[in-house]
N, C-alpha and C. Protein backbone atom coordinates (compact mmCIF):
# COMPACT_ATOMS: atom_id res chain seq x y z
N MET A 1 60.54 74.90 113.13
CA MET A 1 61.47 75.10 114.21
C MET A 1 61.50 76.58 114.60
N GLU A 2 60.43 77.11 115.06
CA GLU A 2 60.35 78.50 115.48
C GLU A 2 60.90 78.62 116.89
N LYS A 3 61.87 79.51 117.04
CA LYS A 3 62.44 79.76 118.35
C LYS A 3 62.17 81.20 118.72
N LYS A 4 61.94 81.45 119.99
CA LYS A 4 61.76 82.80 120.49
C LYS A 4 63.14 83.46 120.58
N CYS A 5 63.22 84.69 120.12
CA CYS A 5 64.49 85.41 120.16
C CYS A 5 64.38 86.65 121.02
N GLU A 6 65.34 86.82 121.88
CA GLU A 6 65.43 88.02 122.69
C GLU A 6 66.28 89.04 121.93
N LYS A 7 66.10 90.30 122.23
CA LYS A 7 66.84 91.35 121.52
C LYS A 7 68.34 91.15 121.62
N SER A 8 68.84 90.68 122.75
CA SER A 8 70.27 90.49 122.93
C SER A 8 70.85 89.41 122.01
N ALA A 9 70.00 88.56 121.50
CA ALA A 9 70.45 87.47 120.63
C ALA A 9 69.97 87.66 119.20
N LEU A 10 69.63 88.89 118.83
CA LEU A 10 69.05 89.17 117.51
C LEU A 10 69.94 88.67 116.37
N GLU A 11 71.21 88.98 116.42
CA GLU A 11 72.12 88.59 115.34
C GLU A 11 72.17 87.07 115.17
N ASN A 12 72.22 86.34 116.27
CA ASN A 12 72.25 84.88 116.18
C ASN A 12 70.95 84.33 115.63
N CYS A 13 69.83 84.94 116.00
CA CYS A 13 68.54 84.50 115.49
C CYS A 13 68.45 84.72 113.99
N ILE A 14 68.95 85.86 113.54
CA ILE A 14 68.94 86.16 112.10
C ILE A 14 69.83 85.16 111.37
N LYS A 15 70.99 84.89 111.93
CA LYS A 15 71.93 83.94 111.33
C LYS A 15 71.29 82.55 111.19
N GLU A 16 70.63 82.10 112.24
CA GLU A 16 69.98 80.79 112.21
C GLU A 16 68.85 80.75 111.17
N LYS A 17 68.06 81.83 111.11
CA LYS A 17 66.96 81.88 110.15
C LYS A 17 67.50 81.92 108.72
N ALA A 18 68.58 82.67 108.49
CA ALA A 18 69.19 82.74 107.16
C ALA A 18 69.69 81.36 106.73
N LYS A 19 70.28 80.64 107.66
CA LYS A 19 70.78 79.29 107.36
C LYS A 19 69.61 78.36 107.03
N GLU A 20 68.53 78.50 107.79
CA GLU A 20 67.33 77.70 107.55
C GLU A 20 66.77 77.98 106.15
N LEU A 21 66.69 79.25 105.77
CA LEU A 21 66.19 79.62 104.44
C LEU A 21 67.11 79.08 103.34
N TRP A 22 68.42 79.21 103.56
CA TRP A 22 69.41 78.73 102.61
C TRP A 22 69.25 77.23 102.37
N LYS A 23 69.11 76.46 103.44
CA LYS A 23 68.93 75.01 103.31
C LYS A 23 67.63 74.69 102.61
N LYS A 24 66.55 75.41 102.97
CA LYS A 24 65.24 75.17 102.39
C LYS A 24 65.22 75.41 100.89
N GLU A 25 66.05 76.36 100.43
CA GLU A 25 66.08 76.72 99.01
C GLU A 25 67.20 76.04 98.25
N GLY A 26 67.73 74.96 98.77
CA GLY A 26 68.69 74.15 98.03
C GLY A 26 70.15 74.55 98.19
N MET A 27 70.47 75.30 99.22
CA MET A 27 71.84 75.66 99.56
C MET A 27 72.59 76.31 98.40
N GLN A 28 71.94 77.26 97.74
CA GLN A 28 72.56 77.97 96.63
C GLN A 28 73.61 78.96 97.14
N GLY A 29 74.75 78.96 96.50
CA GLY A 29 75.83 79.86 96.90
C GLY A 29 75.66 81.25 96.31
N GLY A 30 76.37 82.21 96.88
CA GLY A 30 76.40 83.56 96.35
C GLY A 30 75.18 84.41 96.66
N ARG A 31 74.32 83.96 97.55
CA ARG A 31 73.11 84.70 97.88
C ARG A 31 73.04 85.01 99.37
N ASP A 32 74.21 85.12 99.98
CA ASP A 32 74.30 85.33 101.43
C ASP A 32 73.50 86.55 101.88
N LEU A 33 73.72 87.68 101.21
CA LEU A 33 73.06 88.91 101.61
C LEU A 33 71.54 88.79 101.45
N GLU A 34 71.10 88.17 100.39
CA GLU A 34 69.66 87.97 100.16
C GLU A 34 69.04 87.17 101.30
N TYR A 35 69.68 86.08 101.69
CA TYR A 35 69.16 85.26 102.78
C TYR A 35 69.20 86.02 104.10
N TRP A 36 70.28 86.79 104.33
CA TRP A 36 70.39 87.55 105.56
C TRP A 36 69.25 88.57 105.66
N LEU A 37 69.01 89.30 104.57
CA LEU A 37 67.97 90.33 104.59
C LEU A 37 66.57 89.73 104.77
N LYS A 38 66.31 88.61 104.12
CA LYS A 38 65.02 87.92 104.30
C LYS A 38 64.86 87.49 105.76
N ALA A 39 65.92 86.89 106.29
CA ALA A 39 65.89 86.41 107.68
C ALA A 39 65.71 87.56 108.65
N GLU A 40 66.40 88.66 108.40
CA GLU A 40 66.29 89.83 109.27
C GLU A 40 64.85 90.34 109.30
N LYS A 41 64.23 90.40 108.15
CA LYS A 41 62.84 90.87 108.07
C LYS A 41 61.90 89.94 108.84
N ILE A 42 62.09 88.64 108.68
CA ILE A 42 61.25 87.66 109.37
C ILE A 42 61.43 87.75 110.89
N VAL A 43 62.67 87.74 111.33
CA VAL A 43 62.96 87.74 112.77
C VAL A 43 62.48 89.03 113.42
N LYS A 44 62.76 90.17 112.79
CA LYS A 44 62.31 91.45 113.36
C LYS A 44 60.79 91.54 113.37
N GLY A 45 60.15 90.99 112.36
CA GLY A 45 58.70 90.96 112.33
C GLY A 45 58.12 90.12 113.47
N GLN A 46 58.76 89.00 113.75
CA GLN A 46 58.31 88.14 114.84
C GLN A 46 58.50 88.86 116.18
N MET A 47 59.60 89.57 116.33
CA MET A 47 59.86 90.30 117.57
C MET A 47 58.82 91.41 117.75
N LYS A 48 58.54 92.13 116.68
CA LYS A 48 57.57 93.23 116.74
C LYS A 48 56.19 92.72 117.13
N ASN A 49 55.81 91.57 116.60
CA ASN A 49 54.50 90.99 116.90
C ASN A 49 54.37 90.57 118.35
N ARG A 50 55.48 90.31 119.02
CA ARG A 50 55.45 89.88 120.41
C ARG A 50 55.38 91.05 121.38
N LEU A 51 55.65 92.25 120.90
CA LEU A 51 55.65 93.42 121.79
C LEU A 51 54.27 93.87 122.14
């Protein structure tokens, strides 16, 4: 489920990716920051590749 993200929607894209990673890894609690940082890296990498 890859979606294109515009810069104005960066935070929402990261949030969606973090939720996707969380679900994929069994919905473990207490790892919010870890999922956010992973998602941020993925989303920003995808944006950079499109430039």
